[in-house]
Every structure is written in structure tokens, then in C-alpha cells.
């Protein structure tokens, strides 16, 4: 399988525990709840990542962090965070 055909390993953290109705906006993603956050995983490609960003914005959800890399957080590197990044 070539590099372009592999699924992208992204982990997207959103503030809050999403209801089943809100999760319906992300039907093809793996979902995990950690404390007061929802984690979405397993996007087919980078275009899907941008689609998820658009859906998060349209639903008024707060994006906390996006990591790209392996399934373990220690193998991941942050690629985007919310506006809170610059806050003191």
C-alpha cells in the first residue's frame, strides 16, 4: 500500500462530552471520552481533516488540540490548537 492510500492518524480533542446527536456529525470516526473531553480519531485523509474542522466550527464546538502521528500520544506531535494557545 503506498503512502497516499494509508489512513491519516489524527487525534482531535474537543472540549466537552458530545451527545449522540452531535456525534452523528462524525459517523466514520472512532470516538473516545476522556474526562470532560471528546477525542475523535481515524480520518481517511487530510481533506477529511479539514471537513471535520468545518463541522466542529459549524457546531460551535471548542477545538482543544489536534495531533498527527501514531496511535499513542507519545508518538504524536501537535499540529494545531485552539485560540487558547496564546492565552497567559
N, C-alpha and C. Protein backbone atom coordinates (compact mmCIF):
# COMPACT_ATOMS: atom_id res chain seq x y z
N UNK A 1 0.85 -1.18 0.00
CA UNK A 1 0.00 0.00 0.00
C UNK A 1 0.89 1.23 0.00
N UNK A 2 0.65 2.19 -0.90
CA UNK A 2 1.51 3.36 -0.94
C UNK A 2 1.12 4.36 0.15
N UNK A 3 1.99 5.34 0.38
CA UNK A 3 1.82 6.31 1.46
C UNK A 3 0.51 7.08 1.33
N UNK A 4 0.09 7.44 0.12
CA UNK A 4 -1.12 8.22 -0.09
C UNK A 4 -2.38 7.45 0.26
N UNK A 5 -2.36 6.13 0.21
CA UNK A 5 -3.55 5.33 0.46
C UNK A 5 -3.76 5.00 1.93
N UNK A 6 -2.76 5.25 2.77
CA UNK A 6 -2.88 4.93 4.19
C UNK A 6 -3.77 5.95 4.89
N UNK A 7 -4.60 5.50 5.86
CA UNK A 7 -5.39 6.47 6.62
C UNK A 7 -4.47 7.36 7.45
N UNK A 8 -4.87 8.60 7.61
CA UNK A 8 -4.11 9.53 8.44
C UNK A 8 -4.42 9.25 9.91
N UNK A 9 -3.41 9.25 10.74
CA UNK A 9 -3.60 9.01 12.15
C UNK A 9 -3.63 10.34 12.88
N UNK A 10 -4.81 10.92 12.98
CA UNK A 10 -5.00 12.17 13.69
C UNK A 10 -5.82 11.90 14.94
N UNK A 11 -5.56 12.68 15.98
CA UNK A 11 -6.36 12.65 17.20
C UNK A 11 -6.84 14.07 17.43
N UNK A 12 -8.15 14.26 17.46
CA UNK A 12 -8.75 15.58 17.59
C UNK A 12 -9.45 15.64 18.94
N UNK A 13 -9.03 16.58 19.80
CA UNK A 13 -9.64 16.73 21.12
C UNK A 13 -10.58 17.92 21.10
N UNK A 14 -11.81 17.70 21.60
CA UNK A 14 -12.85 18.72 21.65
C UNK A 14 -13.30 18.85 23.10
N UNK A 15 -13.49 20.10 23.55
CA UNK A 15 -13.97 20.31 24.91
C UNK A 15 -15.40 19.81 25.06
N UNK A 16 -15.65 19.06 26.12
CA UNK A 16 -16.99 18.58 26.43
C UNK A 16 -17.23 17.16 25.96
N UNK A 17 -18.24 16.56 26.55
CA UNK A 17 -18.67 15.22 26.15
C UNK A 17 -19.83 15.42 25.17
N UNK A 18 -19.64 14.98 23.94
CA UNK A 18 -20.65 15.22 22.91
C UNK A 18 -21.82 14.26 23.03
N UNK A 19 -23.00 14.80 22.81
CA UNK A 19 -24.21 13.97 22.81
C UNK A 19 -24.22 13.07 21.58
N UNK A 20 -25.08 12.08 21.60
CA UNK A 20 -25.22 11.20 20.44
C UNK A 20 -25.59 11.99 19.19
N UNK A 21 -26.41 13.01 19.37
CA UNK A 21 -26.83 13.84 18.24
C UNK A 21 -25.63 14.55 17.61
N UNK A 22 -24.76 15.16 18.46
CA UNK A 22 -23.58 15.83 17.93
C UNK A 22 -22.60 14.83 17.33
N UNK A 23 -22.46 13.66 17.95
CA UNK A 23 -21.56 12.64 17.41
C UNK A 23 -22.02 12.16 16.03
N UNK A 24 -23.31 12.32 15.74
CA UNK A 24 -23.84 11.96 14.43
C UNK A 24 -23.19 12.75 13.30
N UNK A 25 -22.56 13.88 13.63
CA UNK A 25 -21.86 14.68 12.62
C UNK A 25 -20.52 14.04 12.22
N UNK A 26 -20.08 13.04 13.00
CA UNK A 26 -18.78 12.40 12.76
C UNK A 26 -18.95 10.88 12.70
N UNK A 27 -19.78 10.37 11.80
CA UNK A 27 -20.15 8.95 11.81
C UNK A 27 -19.02 7.97 11.51
N UNK A 28 -18.00 8.40 10.79
CA UNK A 28 -16.96 7.47 10.38
C UNK A 28 -15.72 7.49 11.27
N UNK A 29 -15.77 8.25 12.35
CA UNK A 29 -14.60 8.40 13.21
C UNK A 29 -14.73 7.55 14.47
N UNK A 30 -13.59 7.11 15.00
CA UNK A 30 -13.57 6.47 16.31
C UNK A 30 -13.75 7.57 17.34
N UNK A 31 -14.51 7.28 18.40
CA UNK A 31 -14.79 8.28 19.43
C UNK A 31 -14.42 7.71 20.79
N UNK A 32 -13.79 8.56 21.61
CA UNK A 32 -13.44 8.20 22.98
C UNK A 32 -13.75 9.41 23.86
N UNK A 33 -14.23 9.17 25.06
CA UNK A 33 -14.45 10.24 26.02
C UNK A 33 -13.38 10.14 27.10
N UNK A 34 -12.71 11.25 27.35
CA UNK A 34 -11.68 11.32 28.40
C UNK A 34 -12.03 12.47 29.32
N UNK A 35 -12.51 12.14 30.50
CA UNK A 35 -12.90 13.21 31.43
C UNK A 35 -13.95 14.09 30.80
N UNK A 36 -13.67 15.36 30.68
CA UNK A 36 -14.61 16.30 30.08
C UNK A 36 -14.31 16.61 28.63
N UNK A 37 -13.64 15.70 27.94
CA UNK A 37 -13.28 15.91 26.54
C UNK A 37 -13.74 14.75 25.67
N UNK A 38 -13.92 15.04 24.39
CA UNK A 38 -14.22 14.01 23.40
C UNK A 38 -13.04 13.94 22.45
N UNK A 39 -12.60 12.73 22.15
CA UNK A 39 -11.47 12.53 21.24
C UNK A 39 -11.98 11.79 20.00
N UNK A 40 -11.68 12.35 18.83
CA UNK A 40 -12.05 11.74 17.55
C UNK A 40 -10.77 11.25 16.89
N UNK A 41 -10.86 10.09 16.21
CA UNK A 41 -9.68 9.51 15.55
C UNK A 41 -10.05 8.87 14.21
N UNK A 42 -9.01 8.58 13.41
CA UNK A 42 -9.09 7.77 12.19
C UNK A 42 -9.78 8.48 11.04
N UNK A 43 -9.11 9.43 10.46
CA UNK A 43 -9.62 10.11 9.28
C UNK A 43 -9.02 9.47 8.04
N UNK A 44 -9.77 9.36 6.96
CA UNK A 44 -9.25 8.71 5.76
C UNK A 44 -8.14 9.50 5.07
N UNK A 45 -8.15 10.82 5.19
CA UNK A 45 -7.12 11.64 4.53
C UNK A 45 -7.16 13.06 5.07
N UNK A 46 -6.26 13.90 4.59
CA UNK A 46 -6.18 15.27 5.09
C UNK A 46 -7.40 16.10 4.69
N UNK A 47 -8.00 15.81 3.56
CA UNK A 47 -9.22 16.51 3.16
C UNK A 47 -10.33 16.26 4.19
N UNK A 48 -10.40 15.04 4.71
CA UNK A 48 -11.39 14.73 5.75
C UNK A 48 -11.11 15.52 7.01
N UNK A 49 -9.84 15.73 7.32
CA UNK A 49 -9.47 16.53 8.49
C UNK A 49 -10.05 17.94 8.38
N UNK A 50 -9.92 18.54 7.21
CA UNK A 50 -10.47 19.88 7.00
C UNK A 50 -11.99 19.88 7.11
N UNK A 51 -12.61 18.80 6.63
CA UNK A 51 -14.06 18.67 6.77
C UNK A 51 -14.49 18.59 8.23
N UNK A 52 -13.71 17.86 9.04
CA UNK A 52 -14.01 17.76 10.47
C UNK A 52 -13.85 19.13 11.13
N UNK A 53 -12.80 19.88 10.76
CA UNK A 53 -12.63 21.23 11.30
C UNK A 53 -13.85 22.09 10.99
N UNK A 54 -14.34 22.02 9.76
CA UNK A 54 -15.50 22.82 9.36
C UNK A 54 -16.73 22.42 10.17
N UNK A 55 -16.90 21.12 10.40
CA UNK A 55 -18.05 20.65 11.17
C UNK A 55 -17.96 21.09 12.63
N UNK A 56 -16.76 21.03 13.20
CA UNK A 56 -16.55 21.49 14.58
C UNK A 56 -16.92 22.96 14.70
N UNK A 57 -16.48 23.76 13.74
CA UNK A 57 -16.79 25.19 13.75
C UNK A 57 -18.29 25.43 13.58
N UNK A 58 -18.91 24.73 12.63
CA UNK A 58 -20.34 24.91 12.36
C UNK A 58 -21.19 24.55 13.58
N UNK A 59 -20.75 23.58 14.35
CA UNK A 59 -21.50 23.15 15.54
C UNK A 59 -21.17 23.98 16.77
N UNK A 60 -20.23 24.90 16.65
CA UNK A 60 -19.87 25.76 17.77
C UNK A 60 -19.09 25.03 18.86
N UNK A 61 -18.37 23.97 18.48
CA UNK A 61 -17.59 23.21 19.45
C UNK A 61 -16.22 23.84 19.62
N UNK A 62 -15.60 23.60 20.78
CA UNK A 62 -14.28 24.16 21.03
C UNK A 62 -13.20 23.13 20.76
N UNK A 63 -12.40 23.40 19.76
CA UNK A 63 -11.27 22.55 19.40
C UNK A 63 -10.15 22.82 20.39
N UNK A 64 -9.69 21.76 21.06
CA UNK A 64 -8.60 21.90 22.03
C UNK A 64 -7.24 21.60 21.43
N UNK A 65 -7.18 20.52 20.63
CA UNK A 65 -5.89 20.09 20.10
C UNK A 65 -6.08 19.10 18.97
N UNK A 66 -5.13 19.10 18.06
CA UNK A 66 -5.06 18.09 17.00
C UNK A 66 -3.65 17.54 17.01
N UNK A 67 -3.54 16.22 17.02
CA UNK A 67 -2.23 15.57 16.97
C UNK A 67 -2.19 14.67 15.74
N UNK A 68 -1.02 14.62 15.13
CA UNK A 68 -0.82 13.73 13.99
C UNK A 68 0.30 12.78 14.34
N UNK A 69 0.11 11.51 14.03
CA UNK A 69 1.15 10.54 14.29
C UNK A 69 0.57 9.19 14.62
N UNK A 70 1.29 8.41 15.41
CA UNK A 70 0.86 7.07 15.79
C UNK A 70 -0.28 7.11 16.78
N UNK A 71 -0.84 5.94 17.08
CA UNK A 71 -2.00 5.87 17.96
C UNK A 71 -1.69 6.23 19.40
N UNK A 72 -0.45 6.17 19.82
CA UNK A 72 -0.07 6.50 21.19
C UNK A 72 0.28 7.98 21.27
N UNK A 73 -0.21 8.70 22.30
CA UNK A 73 0.09 10.12 22.42
C UNK A 73 1.59 10.42 22.41
N UNK A 74 2.42 9.52 22.94
CA UNK A 74 3.86 9.76 22.97
C UNK A 74 4.45 9.75 21.56
N UNK A 75 3.76 9.16 20.59
CA UNK A 75 4.24 9.12 19.20
C UNK A 75 3.64 10.24 18.37
N UNK A 76 2.82 11.09 18.99
CA UNK A 76 2.10 12.12 18.26
C UNK A 76 2.76 13.47 18.46
N UNK A 77 2.51 14.36 17.52
CA UNK A 77 3.01 15.72 17.66
C UNK A 77 1.87 16.69 17.38
N UNK A 78 1.74 17.75 18.21
CA UNK A 78 0.65 18.71 17.98
C UNK A 78 0.82 19.40 16.64
N UNK A 79 -0.30 19.58 15.92
CA UNK A 79 -0.26 20.31 14.66
C UNK A 79 -1.19 21.50 14.66
N UNK A 80 -2.09 21.61 15.64
CA UNK A 80 -2.98 22.75 15.74
C UNK A 80 -3.61 22.78 17.12
N UNK A 81 -3.88 23.97 17.62
CA UNK A 81 -4.57 24.12 18.89
C UNK A 81 -5.56 25.26 18.78
N UNK A 82 -6.43 25.39 19.75
CA UNK A 82 -7.43 26.46 19.74
C UNK A 82 -6.78 27.79 20.04
N UNK A 83 -7.58 28.84 20.05
CA UNK A 83 -7.10 30.19 20.31
C UNK A 83 -6.53 30.32 21.71
N UNK A 84 -6.81 29.38 22.61
CA UNK A 84 -6.30 29.45 23.97
C UNK A 84 -4.78 29.36 24.00
N UNK A 85 -4.15 28.92 22.93
CA UNK A 85 -2.70 28.74 22.90
C UNK A 85 -1.96 29.99 23.32
N UNK A 86 -2.40 31.15 22.89
CA UNK A 86 -1.71 32.38 23.21
C UNK A 86 -2.13 33.00 24.53
N UNK A 87 -3.10 32.41 25.21
CA UNK A 87 -3.57 32.96 26.48
C UNK A 87 -2.54 32.76 27.58
N UNK A 88 -2.42 33.73 28.51
CA UNK A 88 -1.45 33.58 29.61
C UNK A 88 -1.79 32.48 30.56
